[in-house]
Structure formats: structure tokens, C-alpha cells
């Protein structure tokens, strides 16, 4: 039998017992219901004191004394009816109760508050109550006043698909000003260090105030906040509250893990909200790295087949582009995650070592690009074009 079923059975049995006492003899009355505290239960602290409003499965710890699974019947978090007499609790010890906030209730089914979840009075401190009953059917409760505050969680712009509109609220900063939203770059490299722009929803603004405690992670790696922008793109003071719909500029950390579905977590006002890739549109791609070339030289004006070895490539040749001295080579003839087979571009002779313009004669860096991300140039990535 589930814990919830056990609790319901116990409550039903207690209620039945009270009725039987009344029916057996008019001289023996059932114990009167009372608001008194049973078993000397106390609530000392509630942590965290701030909880994301309207978010399900937020764990709240109620600390106190004399908690008893057999006497506790429910937990009430604040004034919202959606969070009254919650059964999603566990009495972990005589001094602690763990309770989860419930799943959001559609506004249509909750006309009293017209809002989902525990959000009746967001921003105001709410009471936390432990409900009780004893074996005789007497009820009681203990309340900690102003113990928890439901705070609006960070919110991103909604996903839109209208032509010319932003498809997602987050993208790399160097592509943010492109008028064609489809060309904004949302691929971040595993090397990190890229600035991304994250747009808040129209009814919530990221705040630069110190008290807001704004921070975040992407794919489990910390993001570094580097600035704030107003809706018009003007720089905000770091202590300004900002306007609704403002932008947060953050920079990715190092050593990210490649992922097509990284979770973006944003914390503000001590509450955190997680966003999946469908919410933000960002992906983390492995940075292409060239480690060696099987052929290091070839004649100009002649297509030399070169096998490039490295990491972070693709098994689909069309996903990759290769340049020699900035001149594009033909599409690779074959590729895997660790190798690329390509022919050198047609070149014209020139002064050895210059590599200027289209005259690629000389020592040329070989660069592999995938998804807009290019490999770094190292001592292992040079190819020499020979005039003769």
C-alpha cells in the first residue's frame, strides 16, 4: 500500500472511530475538534525561505520538534488553495519534514486564484502549517508565521515561429544583431568562452541588483555574467533593476561537454528555474581539432589528396568545410568523427611563403569548420604548397 493510501486509510479510520463513539452512547461524546497543538509539536525554521512560485516538486524542509508520522495529516504552504493540506510530504525524523510543492494546476480549474501552483501572494511572506490528528480523532495544527515567500522564477521569452521573429530567447552575442533570426548562432563550443545573450520574457526582467543574486549554468557548467542590456540594447548599470524584457549577457565557462540538449539553469532571488533546449535553443558542439595531416605538401594548381586526423569532426562530409590559407577546398570526399579526406583547392603559383589573395603558394594553415565553429591553428595544421 502506498504511503498516501496509508495516510488516507488512517484518517478514514480515525473519523469512523469518532462516529462510532457518538452512536454507541449519548453519554459518551466524541472528542471535540480543537486547534490546539498536539504532542508539543513546534516549527523552528523553514528552508529555503524563498521558493519559485508556480513550480512543481520544489523541496521545502520544515524543521522542528516532536514530528510523528502517525499524527501529521498534511502540510499547508501559504494561502493558495492549491497548496493546502498537501500529502506530498515525508516525516524524515522527529525534527524534520520534507514536503514538495504540487504540480501546477491550470488556471481554468482554479478560478479562486486564476493561477497555477503556490502563487497566491507572490513576493509576500506566507505561513507554513503542519496539520495533525490523534488516535481519538481530535485535530490540531502548528503554524510558523511568514515562513516562506513565493518568488517569481526566471522566465524566458516564449518560443515563436513567425517569420522574421526570434525563434529562441538565447543566442551567441556576436550574432545577436542579425535581422534574420534564422541566422543567429546557437551552437556553443566545448572550448567555452563565448558570450551569449538571453532574453527575459515580457513580464519579467533579469535584475543586476546585488540582492538579486543572478547566476546560471549551461550543461552543468557555471556561466559568468558579463553585463546587462535594456530592451533597446543600451548598457544597464550593474545595480539597476532593469526593464521588463531586458537581456542578460553571460559567458560560457571552459571544458563544456558536447550536448544537443544542455539544460540552462538560471537563478535569481535565490530561486532557480531549469530550461530545456526547447526553451532556449542552445546546443554545445565539440570544437573541431586538427592533430595531423598525412600529407604535408603538394604542388600548386594540382589537387592533392590529404587525410586530416583530429577530433570533433562529423560522419557527414557535407557538415564540414576545409580551407587552406583561407581558400575553400572542395567538399570532403569522406569523413568520420576523427578523420577527413579532402583534396587541396586549385591554386595559382605565387611567391613562396606569401599566401596572399588567391595565390596560396607557400605554407598554409589548414582549418576545419563545423556548424560555424572552426578549429584552432597549431603547428600540426600547416600544408606547404610548392611552386615546382
Protein backbone atom coordinates (compact mmCIF):
# COMPACT_ATOMS: atom_id res chain seq x y z
CA UNK A 1 0.00 0.00 0.00
CA UNK A 2 1.33 3.43 -0.88
CA UNK A 3 2.22 5.98 1.77
CA UNK A 4 -0.59 8.25 0.56
CA UNK A 5 -3.12 5.39 0.67
CA UNK A 6 -1.97 4.52 4.18
CA UNK A 7 -2.48 8.11 5.29
CA UNK A 8 -5.98 8.21 3.80
CA UNK A 9 -6.88 4.90 5.45
CA UNK A 10 -5.63 6.12 8.81
CA UNK A 11 -7.65 9.34 8.53
CA UNK A 12 -10.77 7.45 7.50
CA UNK A 13 -10.36 5.05 10.40
CA UNK A 14 -9.97 7.91 12.85
CA UNK A 15 -13.11 9.60 11.54
CA UNK A 16 -15.10 6.32 11.74
CA UNK A 17 -13.93 5.72 15.29
CA UNK A 18 -15.20 9.13 16.35
CA UNK A 19 -18.63 8.48 14.80
CA UNK A 20 -18.96 5.08 16.50
CA UNK A 21 -18.32 6.65 19.88
CA UNK A 22 -21.23 9.01 19.35
CA UNK A 23 -23.53 6.25 18.10
CA UNK A 24 -22.78 3.83 20.95
CA UNK A 25 -23.98 6.01 23.77
CA UNK A 26 -25.28 9.51 24.13
CA UNK A 27 -23.46 9.67 27.43
CA UNK A 28 -20.06 9.23 25.80
CA UNK A 29 -19.31 12.08 23.41
CA UNK A 30 -16.62 12.06 20.74
CA UNK A 31 -13.60 14.24 21.50
CA UNK A 32 -14.25 17.75 20.30
CA UNK A 33 -12.15 19.06 17.42
CA UNK A 34 -9.62 21.57 18.60
CA UNK A 35 -6.99 23.84 17.10
CA UNK A 36 -4.60 23.01 19.90
CA UNK A 37 -1.11 21.81 19.16
CA UNK A 38 -0.86 18.05 19.66
CA UNK A 39 2.18 16.24 21.07
CA UNK A 40 4.01 19.54 21.74
CA UNK A 41 4.97 19.90 18.07
CA UNK A 42 6.93 23.02 17.16
CA UNK A 43 8.22 24.54 13.91
CA UNK A 44 11.55 26.28 14.30
CA UNK A 45 12.68 27.03 10.74
CA UNK A 46 11.59 26.52 7.14
CA UNK A 47 14.21 26.22 4.40
CA UNK A 48 14.55 27.56 1.85
CA UNK A 49 12.68 30.68 2.87
CA UNK A 50 12.19 31.66 -0.79
CA UNK A 51 10.64 29.24 -3.29
CA UNK A 52 9.93 29.55 -7.02
CA UNK A 53 6.26 30.38 -7.44
CA UNK A 54 4.16 28.01 -9.52
CA UNK A 55 6.95 25.42 -9.90
CA UNK A 56 6.30 21.77 -9.05
CA UNK A 57 8.49 19.48 -6.93
CA UNK A 58 10.33 22.22 -5.08
CA UNK A 59 11.52 20.59 -1.85
CA UNK A 60 10.89 22.51 1.36
CA UNK A 61 12.30 21.33 4.70
CA UNK A 62 10.30 22.03 7.84
CA UNK A 63 12.48 21.80 10.95
CA UNK A 64 11.08 21.49 14.44
CA UNK A 65 10.39 19.05 17.26
CA UNK A 66 8.17 16.05 18.05
CA UNK A 67 7.10 15.29 14.48
CA UNK A 68 5.19 11.99 14.30
CA UNK A 69 4.11 10.30 11.04
CA UNK A 70 1.04 8.83 12.81
CA UNK A 71 -0.23 12.25 13.87
CA UNK A 72 0.64 14.51 10.94
CA UNK A 73 -2.04 14.57 8.24
CA UNK A 74 -0.92 17.27 5.85
CA UNK A 75 1.10 20.41 5.19
CA UNK A 76 -0.25 23.79 4.12
CA UNK A 77 2.10 26.19 2.36
CA UNK A 78 0.70 29.69 2.33
CA UNK A 79 -2.77 30.88 1.41
CA UNK A 80 -3.11 29.39 -2.08
CA UNK A 81 -5.80 26.65 -2.08
CA UNK A 82 -3.58 24.61 -4.42
CA UNK A 83 -1.08 24.25 -1.57
CA UNK A 84 -3.49 23.45 1.26
CA UNK A 85 -3.32 20.08 3.07
CA UNK A 86 -0.56 18.73 0.82
CA UNK A 87 0.10 15.00 1.01
CA UNK A 88 3.44 15.14 -0.80
CA UNK A 89 5.42 15.10 2.45
CA UNK A 90 7.71 12.70 4.29
CA UNK A 91 8.44 12.80 8.01
CA UNK A 92 12.15 12.07 7.76
CA UNK A 93 12.72 12.31 11.51
CA UNK A 94 11.23 13.67 14.70
CA UNK A 95 12.83 17.01 13.82
CA UNK A 96 12.28 17.34 10.08
CA UNK A 97 9.54 17.09 7.44
CA UNK A 98 10.27 17.21 3.72
CA UNK A 99 7.44 18.47 1.50
CA UNK A 100 7.24 19.06 -2.26
CA UNK A 101 5.25 21.77 -3.96
CA UNK A 102 2.48 20.32 -6.14
CA UNK A 103 2.23 20.22 -9.88
CA UNK A 104 0.80 23.37 -11.41
CA UNK A 105 -2.99 23.47 -11.65
CA UNK A 106 -4.41 25.08 -14.83
CA UNK A 107 -5.95 28.48 -14.12
CA UNK A 108 -9.27 27.35 -15.58
CA UNK A 109 -9.65 24.75 -12.81
CA UNK A 110 -8.71 27.19 -10.08
CA UNK A 111 -10.89 30.29 -10.56
CA UNK A 112 -10.34 31.38 -6.97
CA UNK A 113 -6.73 32.28 -7.70
CA UNK A 114 -6.71 32.11 -11.52
CA UNK A 115 -3.09 30.98 -11.35
CA UNK A 116 -1.27 27.65 -11.18
CA UNK A 117 0.63 26.33 -8.19
CA UNK A 118 1.64 28.08 -4.98
CA UNK A 119 1.42 31.66 -6.21
CA UNK A 120 -1.45 33.24 -4.26
CA UNK A 121 0.62 36.13 -2.93
CA UNK A 122 3.94 36.16 -4.72
CA UNK A 123 6.52 38.34 -3.06
CA UNK A 124 4.84 38.27 0.36
CA UNK A 125 5.85 36.00 3.24
CA UNK A 126 3.35 33.18 3.79
CA UNK A 127 2.56 30.93 6.75
CA UNK A 128 3.51 27.24 6.91
CA UNK A 129 1.18 24.93 8.84
CA UNK A 130 1.53 21.32 9.96
CA UNK A 131 -1.90 19.67 10.30
CA UNK A 132 -2.47 16.97 12.94
CA UNK A 133 -4.91 14.39 14.24
CA UNK A 134 -4.60 11.96 17.17
CA UNK A 135 -5.98 8.46 17.67
CA UNK A 136 -9.17 9.81 19.22
CA UNK A 137 -9.92 11.99 16.21
CA UNK A 138 -9.00 15.30 17.78
CA UNK A 139 -7.39 17.66 15.29
CA UNK A 140 -4.71 20.22 15.79
CA UNK A 141 -2.13 22.28 13.95
CA UNK A 142 1.00 24.32 14.43
CA UNK A 143 1.90 27.31 12.29
CA UNK A 144 5.11 29.17 11.54
CA UNK A 145 4.14 32.69 10.51
CA UNK A 146 5.72 34.36 7.46
CA UNK A 147 7.95 31.32 6.94
CA UNK A 148 8.12 31.11 3.14
CA UNK A 149 7.98 33.58 0.26
CA UNK A 150 6.95 32.52 -3.25
CA UNK A 151 9.14 34.38 -5.73
CA UNK A 152 8.51 34.67 -9.50
CA UNK A 153 11.13 32.40 -11.10
CA UNK A 154 13.29 33.49 -14.05
CA UNK A 155 11.31 33.43 -17.28
CA UNK A 156 12.45 33.43 -20.91
CA UNK A 157 10.64 34.64 -24.00
CA UNK A 158 8.13 32.19 -25.38
CA UNK A 159 9.01 30.09 -28.42
CA UNK A 160 7.65 31.71 -31.59
CA UNK A 161 7.83 30.55 -35.18
CA UNK A 162 6.54 33.62 -37.03
CA UNK A 163 8.75 34.51 -39.99
CA UNK A 164 11.26 37.17 -39.03
CA UNK A 165 10.71 36.65 -35.31
CA UNK A 166 13.18 35.27 -32.80
CA UNK A 167 12.93 31.51 -32.72
CA UNK A 168 14.51 31.27 -29.26
CA UNK A 169 15.41 33.69 -26.47
CA UNK A 170 19.11 32.77 -26.30
CA UNK A 171 21.83 33.01 -28.94
CA UNK A 172 25.51 33.89 -29.26
CA UNK A 173 26.22 37.55 -28.69
CA UNK A 174 28.19 38.06 -31.93
CA UNK A 175 25.12 37.07 -33.96
CA UNK A 176 22.52 38.90 -31.88
CA UNK A 177 22.15 41.87 -34.20
CA UNK A 178 21.38 39.84 -37.33
CA UNK A 179 17.94 40.83 -38.58
CA UNK A 180 17.36 37.34 -39.95
CA UNK A 181 16.68 35.37 -36.77
CA UNK A 182 17.29 32.07 -38.55
CA UNK A 183 20.95 33.03 -38.99
CA UNK A 184 21.61 33.73 -35.34
CA UNK A 185 24.14 31.27 -33.98
CA UNK A 186 23.09 28.97 -31.16
CA UNK A 187 25.96 26.50 -31.31
CA UNK A 188 28.41 26.92 -28.44
CA UNK A 189 31.79 25.24 -28.44
CA UNK A 190 33.18 22.85 -25.87
CA UNK A 191 36.13 25.22 -25.51
CA UNK A 192 33.86 27.76 -23.81
CA UNK A 193 34.49 31.48 -23.55
CA UNK A 194 31.58 32.51 -25.78
CA UNK A 195 29.20 35.30 -24.85
CA UNK A 196 25.50 34.51 -25.13
CA UNK A 197 22.54 36.84 -24.95
CA UNK A 198 19.50 35.64 -23.05
CA UNK A 199 16.22 37.50 -23.34
CA UNK A 200 13.75 37.65 -20.48
CA UNK A 201 10.03 37.29 -21.04
CA UNK A 202 7.88 40.38 -21.40
CA UNK A 203 6.60 40.17 -17.82
CA UNK A 204 9.88 39.50 -16.04
CA UNK A 205 13.24 41.27 -16.09
CA UNK A 206 16.64 39.97 -15.13
CA UNK A 207 17.95 42.21 -12.38
CA UNK A 208 21.52 43.36 -11.94
CA UNK A 209 20.92 44.33 -8.34
CA UNK A 210 23.29 42.64 -5.92
CA UNK A 211 20.36 41.38 -3.88
CA UNK A 212 19.01 39.51 -6.93
CA UNK A 213 21.91 37.08 -6.85
CA UNK A 214 21.67 36.37 -10.58
CA UNK A 215 23.71 33.38 -11.77
CA UNK A 216 23.37 30.44 -14.10
CA UNK A 217 24.76 27.26 -15.57
CA UNK A 218 24.65 25.64 -19.00
CA UNK A 219 25.11 21.92 -19.26
CA UNK A 220 26.03 21.90 -15.58
CA UNK A 221 28.91 24.38 -16.07
CA UNK A 222 28.81 27.86 -14.47
CA UNK A 223 28.06 30.88 -16.63
CA UNK A 224 29.76 34.18 -15.90
CA UNK A 225 27.53 37.24 -16.12
CA UNK A 226 29.33 39.99 -18.00
CA UNK A 227 26.63 42.64 -18.41
CA UNK A 228 23.03 43.64 -18.84
CA UNK A 229 21.21 45.25 -21.74
CA UNK A 230 17.90 47.06 -21.91
CA UNK A 231 15.28 46.01 -24.49
CA UNK A 232 16.80 48.62 -26.83
CA UNK A 233 20.31 47.25 -26.37
CA UNK A 234 21.64 50.04 -24.15
CA UNK A 235 24.02 49.05 -21.36
CA UNK A 236 22.49 48.96 -17.89
CA UNK A 237 24.24 49.71 -14.64
CA UNK A 238 25.08 46.53 -12.77
CA UNK A 239 22.92 47.66 -9.86
CA UNK A 240 19.89 48.61 -11.95
CA UNK A 241 16.72 46.58 -11.69
CA UNK A 242 16.29 46.81 -15.44
CA UNK A 243 13.21 46.91 -17.64
CA UNK A 244 10.78 44.10 -18.35
CA UNK A 245 12.05 42.05 -21.25
CA UNK A 246 15.69 43.04 -20.79
CA UNK A 247 18.71 40.98 -21.80
CA UNK A 248 21.26 39.11 -19.76
CA UNK A 249 24.72 38.70 -21.27
CA UNK A 250 26.57 35.67 -19.95
CA UNK A 251 29.79 33.93 -20.93
CA UNK A 252 30.26 30.17 -21.12
CA UNK A 253 32.88 28.53 -18.96
CA UNK A 254 35.65 26.23 -20.12
CA UNK A 255 35.63 22.48 -20.71
CA UNK A 256 31.96 22.19 -21.66
CA UNK A 257 30.59 18.79 -22.60
CA UNK A 258 29.15 18.44 -26.09
CA UNK A 259 25.37 18.09 -25.92
CA UNK A 260 22.42 18.63 -28.22
CA UNK A 261 20.15 19.06 -25.19
CA UNK A 262 22.00 21.02 -22.49
CA UNK A 263 19.94 22.33 -19.59
CA UNK A 264 20.10 26.07 -18.93
CA UNK A 265 19.61 26.88 -15.25
CA UNK A 266 19.06 30.49 -14.19
CA UNK A 267 18.96 31.60 -10.56
CA UNK A 268 17.58 34.91 -9.36
CA UNK A 269 16.29 35.90 -5.98
CA UNK A 270 17.62 32.58 -4.61
CA UNK A 271 15.20 30.58 -6.78
CA UNK A 272 16.30 28.51 -9.77
CA UNK A 273 14.44 27.52 -12.88
CA UNK A 274 15.64 24.95 -15.41
CA UNK A 275 15.10 25.40 -19.15
CA UNK A 276 15.47 22.58 -21.66
CA UNK A 277 16.73 23.03 -25.22
CA UNK A 278 13.18 23.55 -26.50
CA UNK A 279 13.04 26.64 -24.28
CA UNK A 280 16.40 28.24 -25.10
CA UNK A 281 17.61 26.66 -28.37
CA UNK A 282 21.28 26.43 -27.40
CA UNK A 283 23.46 23.42 -28.18
CA UNK A 284 27.06 22.62 -27.26
CA UNK A 285 29.18 21.25 -30.08
CA UNK A 286 32.59 19.66 -29.95
CA UNK A 287 35.27 22.04 -31.20
CA UNK A 288 36.97 20.60 -34.30
CA UNK A 289 40.67 20.00 -33.61
CA UNK A 290 43.24 19.06 -36.27
CA UNK A 291 46.07 16.94 -34.89
CA UNK A 292 47.91 15.87 -38.06
CA UNK A 293 47.96 15.72 -41.87
CA UNK A 294 49.12 12.56 -43.63
CA UNK A 295 50.49 14.70 -46.48
CA UNK A 296 52.14 17.99 -45.58
CA UNK A 297 52.92 19.38 -49.04
CA UNK A 298 51.78 19.35 -52.66
CA UNK A 299 52.14 21.27 -55.89
CA UNK A 300 50.14 24.38 -56.68
CA UNK A 301 47.45 24.03 -59.35
CA UNK A 302 47.19 20.33 -58.54
CA UNK A 303 44.62 18.61 -56.36
CA UNK A 304 46.48 16.76 -53.64
CA UNK A 305 44.52 14.29 -51.53
CA UNK A 306 45.06 14.92 -47.83
CA UNK A 307 43.80 12.90 -44.89
CA UNK A 308 43.21 15.13 -41.86
CA UNK A 309 43.21 13.45 -38.46
CA UNK A 310 41.69 15.05 -35.37
CA UNK A 311 38.60 15.19 -33.18
CA UNK A 312 35.16 16.80 -33.23
CA UNK A 313 34.53 16.13 -36.92
CA UNK A 314 31.37 14.64 -38.46
CA UNK A 315 30.47 11.43 -40.26
CA UNK A 316 28.63 13.55 -42.83
CA UNK A 317 31.08 15.26 -45.20
CA UNK A 318 28.59 17.99 -46.08
CA UNK A 319 28.69 19.13 -42.43
CA UNK A 320 32.34 20.07 -42.83
CA UNK A 321 34.32 22.67 -44.72
CA UNK A 322 38.10 22.82 -45.03
CA UNK A 323 40.23 25.79 -46.02
CA UNK A 324 43.90 26.03 -46.99
CA UNK A 325 45.24 29.57 -46.45
CA UNK A 326 41.62 30.69 -46.27
CA UNK A 327 40.78 29.21 -49.69
CA UNK A 328 37.95 26.68 -49.59
CA UNK A 329 38.72 23.14 -50.61
CA UNK A 330 36.08 21.01 -52.35
CA UNK A 331 33.62 19.21 -50.10
CA UNK A 332 35.42 16.33 -48.34
CA UNK A 333 35.09 13.01 -50.13
CA UNK A 334 34.85 11.10 -46.85
CA UNK A 335 34.74 11.85 -43.14
CA UNK A 336 34.31 10.34 -39.70
CA UNK A 337 34.36 11.85 -36.23
CA UNK A 338 38.16 11.65 -36.28
CA UNK A 339 39.24 11.90 -39.93
CA UNK A 340 38.55 13.85 -43.11
CA UNK A 341 39.64 13.05 -46.65
CA UNK A 342 39.83 16.13 -48.83
CA UNK A 343 41.66 17.46 -51.88
CA UNK A 344 43.52 20.75 -51.85
CA UNK A 345 41.89 23.68 -53.66
CA UNK A 346 43.04 24.67 -57.14
CA UNK A 347 45.75 27.26 -56.67
CA UNK A 348 47.85 29.62 -58.72
CA UNK A 349 51.58 29.96 -58.40
CA UNK A 350 52.97 32.86 -56.49
CA UNK A 351 55.83 33.89 -54.32
CA UNK A 352 56.58 31.08 -51.90
CA UNK A 353 55.54 31.84 -48.37
CA UNK A 354 53.21 34.74 -49.09
CA UNK A 355 49.81 33.06 -49.19
CA UNK A 356 48.32 36.40 -50.21
CA UNK A 357 45.00 36.74 -52.01
CA UNK A 358 44.28 33.67 -54.11
CA UNK A 359 47.97 32.93 -54.51
CA UNK A 360 48.17 30.21 -51.89
CA UNK A 361 51.69 29.16 -52.76
CA UNK A 362 53.58 28.88 -49.51
CA UNK A 363 52.94 27.43 -46.05
CA UNK A 364 49.22 27.49 -45.35
CA UNK A 365 47.18 26.87 -42.20
CA UNK A 366 44.53 24.15 -42.60
CA UNK A 367 41.26 24.93 -40.83
CA UNK A 368 38.24 22.66 -40.40
CA UNK A 369 34.85 24.27 -39.76
CA UNK A 370 31.73 22.51 -38.50
CA UNK A 371 28.49 24.25 -37.60
CA UNK A 372 30.15 27.65 -37.73
CA UNK A 373 32.90 26.51 -35.33
CA UNK A 374 36.47 26.44 -36.65
CA UNK A 375 39.50 24.51 -35.49
CA UNK A 376 42.39 26.43 -33.94
CA UNK A 377 45.63 26.76 -35.90
CA UNK A 378 48.55 24.90 -34.36
CA UNK A 379 51.97 23.70 -35.51
CA UNK A 380 50.31 20.49 -36.73
CA UNK A 381 47.90 22.23 -39.08
CA UNK A 382 50.12 23.58 -41.87
CA UNK A 383 50.33 22.45 -45.50
CA UNK A 384 53.10 23.63 -47.85
CA UNK A 385 52.22 24.48 -51.45
CA UNK A 386 55.21 24.00 -53.72
CA UNK A 387 55.77 26.05 -56.91
CA UNK A 388 57.69 23.18 -58.51
